[in-house]
Amino acid sequence: MQSQNPLIADLVKLANGAAGTFAGMTREARESARERVREAVGGMDFVSREEFDAVKAMAAKAREEADDLKARVAALEAKLKS
């Protein structure tokens, strides 16, 4: 049932237009925020998981080699003392 009052019809049109405008502004704000986050994160130096795992494996291997060398040095020092 439509109202015959043109004032009410105009108010309804105005409310519908405002709702559409608000929805558009919300979408634009969301897109703008996403773009800003992408730019901020894109400028940072993050490493990939593969790179991290490779460096972690290299560090573990270096630690093992250092422990082995420490044990060898201790054994040689013990030989020299005896």
PDB file of N, CA and C in Angstrom:
ATOM      1  N   MET A   1       0.833  -1.161   0.000  1.00  0.00           N
ATOM      2  CA  MET A   1       0.000   0.000   0.000  1.00  0.00           C
ATOM      3  C   MET A   1       0.890   1.240   0.000  1.00  0.00           C
ATOM      4  N   GLN A   2       0.761   2.023  -1.027  1.00  0.00           N
ATOM      5  CA  GLN A   2       1.579   3.222  -1.155  1.00  0.00           C
ATOM      6  C   GLN A   2       0.827   4.428  -0.617  1.00  0.00           C
ATOM      7  N   SER A   3       1.623   5.327  -0.064  1.00  0.00           N
ATOM      8  CA  SER A   3       1.027   6.549   0.458  1.00  0.00           C
ATOM      9  C   SER A   3       0.815   7.541  -0.680  1.00  0.00           C
ATOM     10  N   GLN A   4      -0.257   8.289  -0.581  1.00  0.00           N
ATOM     11  CA  GLN A   4      -0.540   9.308  -1.586  1.00  0.00           C
ATOM     12  C   GLN A   4       0.141  10.624  -1.247  1.00  0.00           C
ATOM     13  N   ASN A   5       0.732  10.693  -0.057  1.00  0.00           N
ATOM     14  CA  ASN A   5       1.368  11.917   0.389  1.00  0.00           C
ATOM     15  C   ASN A   5       2.748  12.035  -0.261  1.00  0.00           C
ATOM     16  N   PRO A   6       2.998  13.059  -1.061  1.00  0.00           N
ATOM     17  CA  PRO A   6       4.284  13.189  -1.745  1.00  0.00           C
ATOM     18  C   PRO A   6       5.432  13.468  -0.776  1.00  0.00           C
ATOM     19  N   LEU A   7       5.140  14.073   0.352  1.00  0.00           N
ATOM     20  CA  LEU A   7       6.183  14.344   1.342  1.00  0.00           C
ATOM     21  C   LEU A   7       6.738  13.032   1.896  1.00  0.00           C
ATOM     22  N   ILE A   8       5.847  12.098   2.209  1.00  0.00           N
ATOM     23  CA  ILE A   8       6.292  10.795   2.734  1.00  0.00           C
ATOM     24  C   ILE A   8       7.057  10.040   1.656  1.00  0.00           C
ATOM     25  N   ALA A   9       6.596  10.092   0.422  1.00  0.00           N
ATOM     26  CA  ALA A   9       7.278   9.425  -0.680  1.00  0.00           C
ATOM     27  C   ALA A   9       8.680  10.006  -0.864  1.00  0.00           C
ATOM     28  N   ASP A  10       8.788  11.317  -0.750  1.00  0.00           N
ATOM     29  CA  ASP A  10      10.110  11.946  -0.875  1.00  0.00           C
ATOM     30  C   ASP A  10      11.030  11.546   0.278  1.00  0.00           C
ATOM     31  N   LEU A  11      10.479  11.466   1.479  1.00  0.00           N
ATOM     32  CA  LEU A  11      11.283  11.049   2.633  1.00  0.00           C
ATOM     33  C   LEU A  11      11.772   9.604   2.485  1.00  0.00           C
ATOM     34  N   VAL A  12      10.913   8.755   1.950  1.00  0.00           N
ATOM     35  CA  VAL A  12      11.297   7.351   1.719  1.00  0.00           C
ATOM     36  C   VAL A  12      12.413   7.289   0.680  1.00  0.00           C
ATOM     37  N   LYS A  13      12.285   8.066  -0.401  1.00  0.00           N
ATOM     38  CA  LYS A  13      13.331   8.103  -1.429  1.00  0.00           C
ATOM     39  C   LYS A  13      14.643   8.621  -0.840  1.00  0.00           C
ATOM     40  N   LEU A  14      14.547   9.638  -0.012  1.00  0.00           N
ATOM     41  CA  LEU A  14      15.733  10.202   0.622  1.00  0.00           C
ATOM     42  C   LEU A  14      16.404   9.176   1.539  1.00  0.00           C
ATOM     43  N   ALA A  15      15.594   8.459   2.320  1.00  0.00           N
ATOM     44  CA  ALA A  15      16.140   7.432   3.220  1.00  0.00           C
ATOM     45  C   ALA A  15      16.797   6.309   2.420  1.00  0.00           C
ATOM     46  N   ASN A  16      16.170   5.886   1.339  1.00  0.00           N
ATOM     47  CA  ASN A  16      16.754   4.834   0.501  1.00  0.00           C
ATOM     48  C   ASN A  16      18.065   5.301  -0.124  1.00  0.00           C
ATOM     49  N   GLY A  17      18.081   6.521  -0.587  1.00  0.00           N
ATOM     50  CA  GLY A  17      19.310   7.074  -1.178  1.00  0.00           C
ATOM     51  C   GLY A  17      20.422   7.179  -0.149  1.00  0.00           C
ATOM     52  N   ALA A  18      20.068   7.617   1.070  1.00  0.00           N
ATOM     53  CA  ALA A  18      21.071   7.726   2.132  1.00  0.00           C
ATOM     54  C   ALA A  18      21.617   6.354   2.505  1.00  0.00           C
ATOM     55  N   ALA A  19      20.756   5.348   2.567  1.00  0.00           N
ATOM     56  CA  ALA A  19      21.203   3.991   2.894  1.00  0.00           C
ATOM     57  C   ALA A  19      22.156   3.468   1.820  1.00  0.00           C
ATOM     58  N   GLY A  20      21.825   3.722   0.562  1.00  0.00           N
ATOM     59  CA  GLY A  20      22.710   3.298  -0.527  1.00  0.00           C
ATOM     60  C   GLY A  20      24.049   4.001  -0.480  1.00  0.00           C
ATOM     61  N   THR A  21      24.003   5.306  -0.203  1.00  0.00           N
ATOM     62  CA  THR A  21      25.242   6.079  -0.099  1.00  0.00           C
ATOM     63  C   THR A  21      26.092   5.581   1.060  1.00  0.00           C
ATOM     64  N   PHE A  22      25.461   5.324   2.197  1.00  0.00           N
ATOM     65  CA  PHE A  22      26.181   4.828   3.372  1.00  0.00           C
ATOM     66  C   PHE A  22      26.820   3.468   3.078  1.00  0.00           C
ATOM     67  N   ALA A  23      26.094   2.599   2.388  1.00  0.00           N
ATOM     68  CA  ALA A  23      26.643   1.282   2.040  1.00  0.00           C
ATOM     69  C   ALA A  23      27.853   1.440   1.112  1.00  0.00           C
ATOM     70  N   GLY A  24      27.762   2.352   0.169  1.00  0.00           N
ATOM     71  CA  GLY A  24      28.886   2.602  -0.736  1.00  0.00           C
ATOM     72  C   GLY A  24      30.093   3.162  -0.006  1.00  0.00           C
ATOM     73  N   MET A  25      29.841   4.080   0.927  1.00  0.00           N
ATOM     74  CA  MET A  25      30.941   4.643   1.711  1.00  0.00           C
ATOM     75  C   MET A  25      31.607   3.563   2.560  1.00  0.00           C
ATOM     76  N   THR A  26      30.801   2.673   3.107  1.00  0.00           N
ATOM     77  CA  THR A  26      31.343   1.580   3.917  1.00  0.00           C
ATOM     78  C   THR A  26      32.241   0.689   3.072  1.00  0.00           C
ATOM     79  N   ARG A  27      31.785   0.339   1.869  1.00  0.00           N
ATOM     80  CA  ARG A  27      32.598  -0.485   0.966  1.00  0.00           C
ATOM     81  C   ARG A  27      33.907   0.213   0.609  1.00  0.00           C
ATOM     82  N   GLU A  28      33.826   1.490   0.297  1.00  0.00           N
ATOM     83  CA  GLU A  28      35.034   2.238  -0.068  1.00  0.00           C
ATOM     84  C   GLU A  28      36.001   2.332   1.102  1.00  0.00           C
ATOM     85  N   ALA A  29      35.487   2.555   2.302  1.00  0.00           N
ATOM     86  CA  ALA A  29      36.351   2.633   3.486  1.00  0.00           C
ATOM     87  C   ALA A  29      37.033   1.294   3.734  1.00  0.00           C
ATOM     88  N   ARG A  30      36.299   0.211   3.574  1.00  0.00           N
ATOM     89  CA  ARG A  30      36.866  -1.124   3.773  1.00  0.00           C
ATOM     90  C   ARG A  30      37.970  -1.401   2.751  1.00  0.00           C
ATOM     91  N   GLU A  31      37.711  -1.069   1.490  1.00  0.00           N
ATOM     92  CA  GLU A  31      38.713  -1.268   0.438  1.00  0.00           C
ATOM     93  C   GLU A  31      39.952  -0.410   0.692  1.00  0.00           C
ATOM     94  N   SER A  32      39.735   0.831   1.110  1.00  0.00           N
ATOM     95  CA  SER A  32      40.853   1.722   1.388  1.00  0.00           C
ATOM     96  C   SER A  32      41.694   1.188   2.542  1.00  0.00           C
ATOM     97  N   ALA A  33      41.041   0.704   3.586  1.00  0.00           N
ATOM     98  CA  ALA A  33      41.773   0.142   4.729  1.00  0.00           C
ATOM     99  C   ALA A  33      42.576  -1.087   4.311  1.00  0.00           C
ATOM    100  N   ARG A  34      41.981  -1.936   3.508  1.00  0.00           N
ATOM    101  CA  ARG A  34      42.700  -3.127   3.033  1.00  0.00           C
ATOM    102  C   ARG A  34      43.930  -2.737   2.224  1.00  0.00           C
ATOM    103  N   GLU A  35      43.773  -1.749   1.366  1.00  0.00           N
ATOM    104  CA  GLU A  35      44.890  -1.306   0.531  1.00  0.00           C
ATOM    105  C   GLU A  35      46.006  -0.727   1.394  1.00  0.00           C
ATOM    106  N   ARG A  36      45.656   0.046   2.409  1.00  0.00           N
ATOM    107  CA  ARG A  36      46.677   0.609   3.302  1.00  0.00           C
ATOM    108  C   ARG A  36      47.421  -0.485   4.057  1.00  0.00           C
ATOM    109  N   VAL A  37      46.698  -1.495   4.501  1.00  0.00           N
ATOM    110  CA  VAL A  37      47.347  -2.612   5.200  1.00  0.00           C
ATOM    111  C   VAL A  37      48.271  -3.353   4.248  1.00  0.00           C
ATOM    112  N   ARG A  38      47.821  -3.593   3.024  1.00  0.00           N
ATOM    113  CA  ARG A  38      48.674  -4.268   2.034  1.00  0.00           C
ATOM    114  C   ARG A  38      49.957  -3.482   1.794  1.00  0.00           C
ATOM    115  N   GLU A  39      49.837  -2.164   1.664  1.00  0.00           N
ATOM    116  CA  GLU A  39      51.020  -1.332   1.439  1.00  0.00           C
ATOM    117  C   GLU A  39      51.952  -1.369   2.642  1.00  0.00           C
ATOM    118  N   ALA A  40      51.396  -1.309   3.836  1.00  0.00           N
ATOM    119  CA  ALA A  40      52.219  -1.315   5.045  1.00  0.00           C
ATOM    120  C   ALA A  40      52.934  -2.650   5.215  1.00  0.00           C
ATOM    121  N   VAL A  41      52.222  -3.728   5.010  1.00  0.00           N
ATOM    122  CA  VAL A  41      52.817  -5.052   5.172  1.00  0.00           C
ATOM    123  C   VAL A  41      53.755  -5.366   4.009  1.00  0.00           C
ATOM    124  N   GLY A  42      53.425  -4.883   2.833  1.00  0.00           N
ATOM    125  CA  GLY A  42      54.257  -5.144   1.659  1.00  0.00           C
ATOM    126  C   GLY A  42      55.642  -4.537   1.773  1.00  0.00           C
ATOM    127  N   GLY A  43      55.777  -3.452   2.510  1.00  0.00           N
ATOM    128  CA  GLY A  43      57.065  -2.798   2.657  1.00  0.00           C
ATOM    129  C   GLY A  43      57.961  -3.452   3.692  1.00  0.00           C
ATOM    130  N   MET A  44      57.407  -4.346   4.487  1.00  0.00           N
ATOM    131  CA  MET A  44      58.201  -5.017   5.521  1.00  0.00           C
ATOM    132  C   MET A  44      58.927  -6.216   4.932  1.00  0.00           C
ATOM    133  N   ASP A  45      60.044  -6.543   5.544  1.00  0.00           N
ATOM    134  CA  ASP A  45      60.826  -7.684   5.075  1.00  0.00           C
ATOM    135  C   ASP A  45      60.440  -8.935   5.853  1.00  0.00           C
ATOM    136  N   PHE A  46      59.473  -9.650   5.344  1.00  0.00           N
ATOM    137  CA  PHE A  46      59.084 -10.918   5.929  1.00  0.00           C
ATOM    138  C   PHE A  46      59.746 -12.031   5.137  1.00  0.00           C
ATOM    139  N   VAL A  47      60.045 -13.123   5.811  1.00  0.00           N
ATOM    140  CA  VAL A  47      60.622 -14.266   5.117  1.00  0.00           C
ATOM    141  C   VAL A  47      59.538 -15.314   4.940  1.00  0.00           C
ATOM    142  N   SER A  48      59.719 -16.114   3.905  1.00  0.00           N
ATOM    143  CA  SER A  48      58.753 -17.183   3.680  1.00  0.00           C
ATOM    144  C   SER A  48      59.033 -18.324   4.652  1.00  0.00           C
ATOM    145  N   ARG A  49      58.095 -19.198   4.777  1.00  0.00           N
ATOM    146  CA  ARG A  49      58.243 -20.344   5.682  1.00  0.00           C
ATOM    147  C   ARG A  49      59.404 -21.222   5.231  1.00  0.00           C
ATOM    148  N   GLU A  50      59.562 -21.383   3.921  1.00  0.00           N
ATOM    149  CA  GLU A  50      60.644 -22.218   3.396  1.00  0.00           C
ATOM    150  C   GLU A  50      62.006 -21.631   3.757  1.00  0.00           C
ATOM    151  N   GLU A  51      62.136 -20.303   3.605  1.00  0.00           N
ATOM    152  CA  GLU A  51      63.401 -19.651   3.955  1.00  0.00           C
ATOM    153  C   GLU A  51      63.692 -19.798   5.446  1.00  0.00           C
ATOM    154  N   PHE A  52      62.679 -19.620   6.265  1.00  0.00           N
ATOM    155  CA  PHE A  52      62.848 -19.752   7.704  1.00  0.00           C
ATOM    156  C   PHE A  52      63.295 -21.159   8.067  1.00  0.00           C
ATOM    157  N   ASP A  53      62.643 -22.164   7.493  1.00  0.00           N
ATOM    158  CA  ASP A  53      63.000 -23.551   7.792  1.00  0.00           C
ATOM    159  C   ASP A  53      64.419 -23.872   7.328  1.00  0.00           C
ATOM    160  N   ALA A  54      64.827 -23.311   6.172  1.00  0.00           N
ATOM    161  CA  ALA A  54      66.182 -23.556   5.668  1.00  0.00           C
ATOM    162  C   ALA A  54      67.221 -22.952   6.601  1.00  0.00           C
ATOM    163  N   VAL A  55      67.000 -21.734   7.052  1.00  0.00           N
ATOM    164  CA  VAL A  55      67.953 -21.093   7.964  1.00  0.00           C
ATOM    165  C   VAL A  55      67.962 -21.809   9.310  1.00  0.00           C
ATOM    166  N   LYS A  56      66.811 -22.266   9.743  1.00  0.00           N
ATOM    167  CA  LYS A  56      66.727 -23.009  11.006  1.00  0.00           C
ATOM    168  C   LYS A  56      67.538 -24.307  10.916  1.00  0.00           C
ATOM    169  N   ALA A  57      67.442 -25.002   9.784  1.00  0.00           N
ATOM    170  CA  ALA A  57      68.206 -26.233   9.591  1.00  0.00           C
ATOM    171  C   ALA A  57      69.705 -25.934   9.544  1.00  0.00           C
ATOM    172  N   MET A  58      70.078 -24.830   8.884  1.00  0.00           N
ATOM    173  CA  MET A  58      71.495 -24.452   8.830  1.00  0.00           C
ATOM    174  C   MET A  58      72.019 -24.137  10.228  1.00  0.00           C
ATOM    175  N   ALA A  59      71.233 -23.453  11.034  1.00  0.00           N
ATOM    176  CA  ALA A  59      71.656 -23.115  12.399  1.00  0.00           C
ATOM    177  C   ALA A  59      71.803 -24.372  13.247  1.00  0.00           C
ATOM    178  N   ALA A  60      70.889 -25.314  13.084  1.00  0.00           N
ATOM    179  CA  ALA A  60      70.982 -26.565  13.840  1.00  0.00           C
ATOM    180  C   ALA A  60      72.241 -27.341  13.448  1.00  0.00           C
ATOM    181  N   LYS A  61      72.531 -27.373  12.148  1.00  0.00           N
ATOM    182  CA  LYS A  61      73.732 -28.074  11.681  1.00  0.00           C
ATOM    183  C   LYS A  61      74.990 -27.383  12.212  1.00  0.00           C
ATOM    184  N   ALA A  62      75.016 -26.054  12.186  1.00  0.00           N
ATOM    185  CA  ALA A  62      76.169 -25.308  12.692  1.00  0.00           C
ATOM    186  C   ALA A  62      76.345 -25.551  14.193  1.00  0.00           C
ATOM    187  N   ARG A  63      75.243 -25.627  14.920  1.00  0.00           N
ATOM    188  CA  ARG A  63      75.308 -25.888  16.356  1.00  0.00           C
ATOM    189  C   ARG A  63      75.893 -27.281  16.625  1.00  0.00           C
ATOM    190  N   GLU A  64      75.452 -28.272  15.837  1.00  0.00           N
ATOM    191  CA  GLU A  64      75.987 -29.632  15.988  1.00  0.00           C
ATOM    192  C   GLU A  64      77.489 -29.664  15.694  1.00  0.00           C
ATOM    193  N   GLU A  65      77.889 -28.984  14.612  1.00  0.00           N
ATOM    194  CA  GLU A  65      79.309 -28.946  14.260  1.00  0.00           C
ATOM    195  C   GLU A  65      80.126 -28.249  15.344  1.00  0.00           C
ATOM    196  N   ALA A  66      79.592 -27.181  15.921  1.00  0.00           N
ATOM    197  CA  ALA A  66      80.292 -26.480  16.995  1.00  0.00           C
ATOM    198  C   ALA A  66      80.436 -27.383  18.217  1.00  0.00           C
ATOM    199  N   ASP A  67      79.390 -28.137  18.539  1.00  0.00           N
ATOM    200  CA  ASP A  67      79.466 -29.070  19.672  1.00  0.00           C
ATOM    201  C   ASP A  67      80.498 -30.158  19.408  1.00  0.00           C
ATOM    202  N   ASP A  68      80.536 -30.674  18.173  1.00  0.00           N
ATOM    203  CA  ASP A  68      81.526 -31.700  17.814  1.00  0.00           C
ATOM    204  C   ASP A  68      82.943 -31.142  17.932  1.00  0.00           C
ATOM    205  N   LEU A  69      83.144 -29.934  17.417  1.00  0.00           N
ATOM    206  CA  LEU A  69      84.474 -29.319  17.497  1.00  0.00           C
ATOM    207  C   LEU A  69      84.880 -29.053  18.944  1.00  0.00           C
ATOM    208  N   LYS A  70      83.940 -28.645  19.760  1.00  0.00           N
ATOM    209  CA  LYS A  70      84.225 -28.407  21.172  1.00  0.00           C
ATOM    210  C   LYS A  70      84.668 -29.711  21.850  1.00  0.00           C
ATOM    211  N   ALA A  71      83.981 -30.798  21.511  1.00  0.00           N
ATOM    212  CA  ALA A  71      84.356 -32.097  22.080  1.00  0.00           C
ATOM    213  C   ALA A  71      85.737 -32.520  21.588  1.00  0.00           C
ATOM    214  N   ARG A  72      86.050 -32.295  20.318  1.00  0.00           N
ATOM    215  CA  ARG A  72      87.361 -32.651  19.783  1.00  0.00           C
ATOM    216  C   ARG A  72      88.469 -31.830  20.447  1.00  0.00           C
ATOM    217  N   VAL A  73      88.223 -30.531  20.621  1.00  0.00           N
ATOM    218  CA  VAL A  73      89.215 -29.672  21.272  1.00  0.00           C
ATOM    219  C   VAL A  73      89.435 -30.137  22.706  1.00  0.00           C
ATOM    220  N   ALA A  74      88.376 -30.458  23.411  1.00  0.00           N
ATOM    221  CA  ALA A  74      88.494 -30.937  24.792  1.00  0.00           C
ATOM    222  C   ALA A  74      89.307 -32.238  24.819  1.00  0.00           C
ATOM    223  N   ALA A  75      89.083 -33.127  23.860  1.00  0.00           N
ATOM    224  CA  ALA A  75      89.826 -34.383  23.821  1.00  0.00           C
ATOM    225  C   ALA A  75      91.308 -34.132  23.533  1.00  0.00           C
ATOM    226  N   LEU A  76      91.592 -33.212  22.602  1.00  0.00           N
ATOM    227  CA  LEU A  76      92.980 -32.902  22.295  1.00  0.00           C
ATOM    228  C   LEU A  76      93.668 -32.248  23.495  1.00  0.00           C
ATOM    229  N   GLU A  77      92.982 -31.356  24.196  1.00  0.00           N
ATOM    230  CA  GLU A  77      93.567 -30.719  25.370  1.00  0.00           C
ATOM    231  C   GLU A  77      93.827 -31.758  26.464  1.00  0.00           C
ATOM    232  N   ALA A  78      92.933 -32.715  26.576  1.00  0.00           N
ATOM    233  CA  ALA A  78      93.140 -33.768  27.571  1.00  0.00           C
ATOM    234  C   ALA A  78      94.355 -34.607  27.216  1.00  0.00           C
ATOM    235  N   LYS A  79      94.561 -34.874  25.927  1.00  0.00           N
ATOM    236  CA  LYS A  79      95.733 -35.645  25.484  1.00  0.00           C
ATOM    237  C   LYS A  79      97.015 -34.867  25.781  1.00  0.00           C
ATOM    238  N   LEU A  80      96.975 -33.567  25.519  1.00  0.00           N
ATOM    239  CA  LEU A  80      98.168 -32.757  25.741  1.00  0.00           C
ATOM    240  C   LEU A  80      98.556 -32.691  27.218  1.00  0.00           C
ATOM    241  N   LYS A  81      97.585 -32.687  28.092  1.00  0.00           N
ATOM    242  CA  LYS A  81      97.851 -32.606  29.524  1.00  0.00           C
ATOM    243  C   LYS A  81      98.405 -33.915  30.071  1.00  0.00           C
ATOM    244  N   SER A  82      98.085 -35.015  29.420  1.00  0.00           N
ATOM    245  CA  SER A  82      98.563 -36.296  29.957  1.00  0.00           C
ATOM    246  C   SER A  82      99.877 -36.733  29.393  1.00  0.00           C
TER     247      SER A  82
END
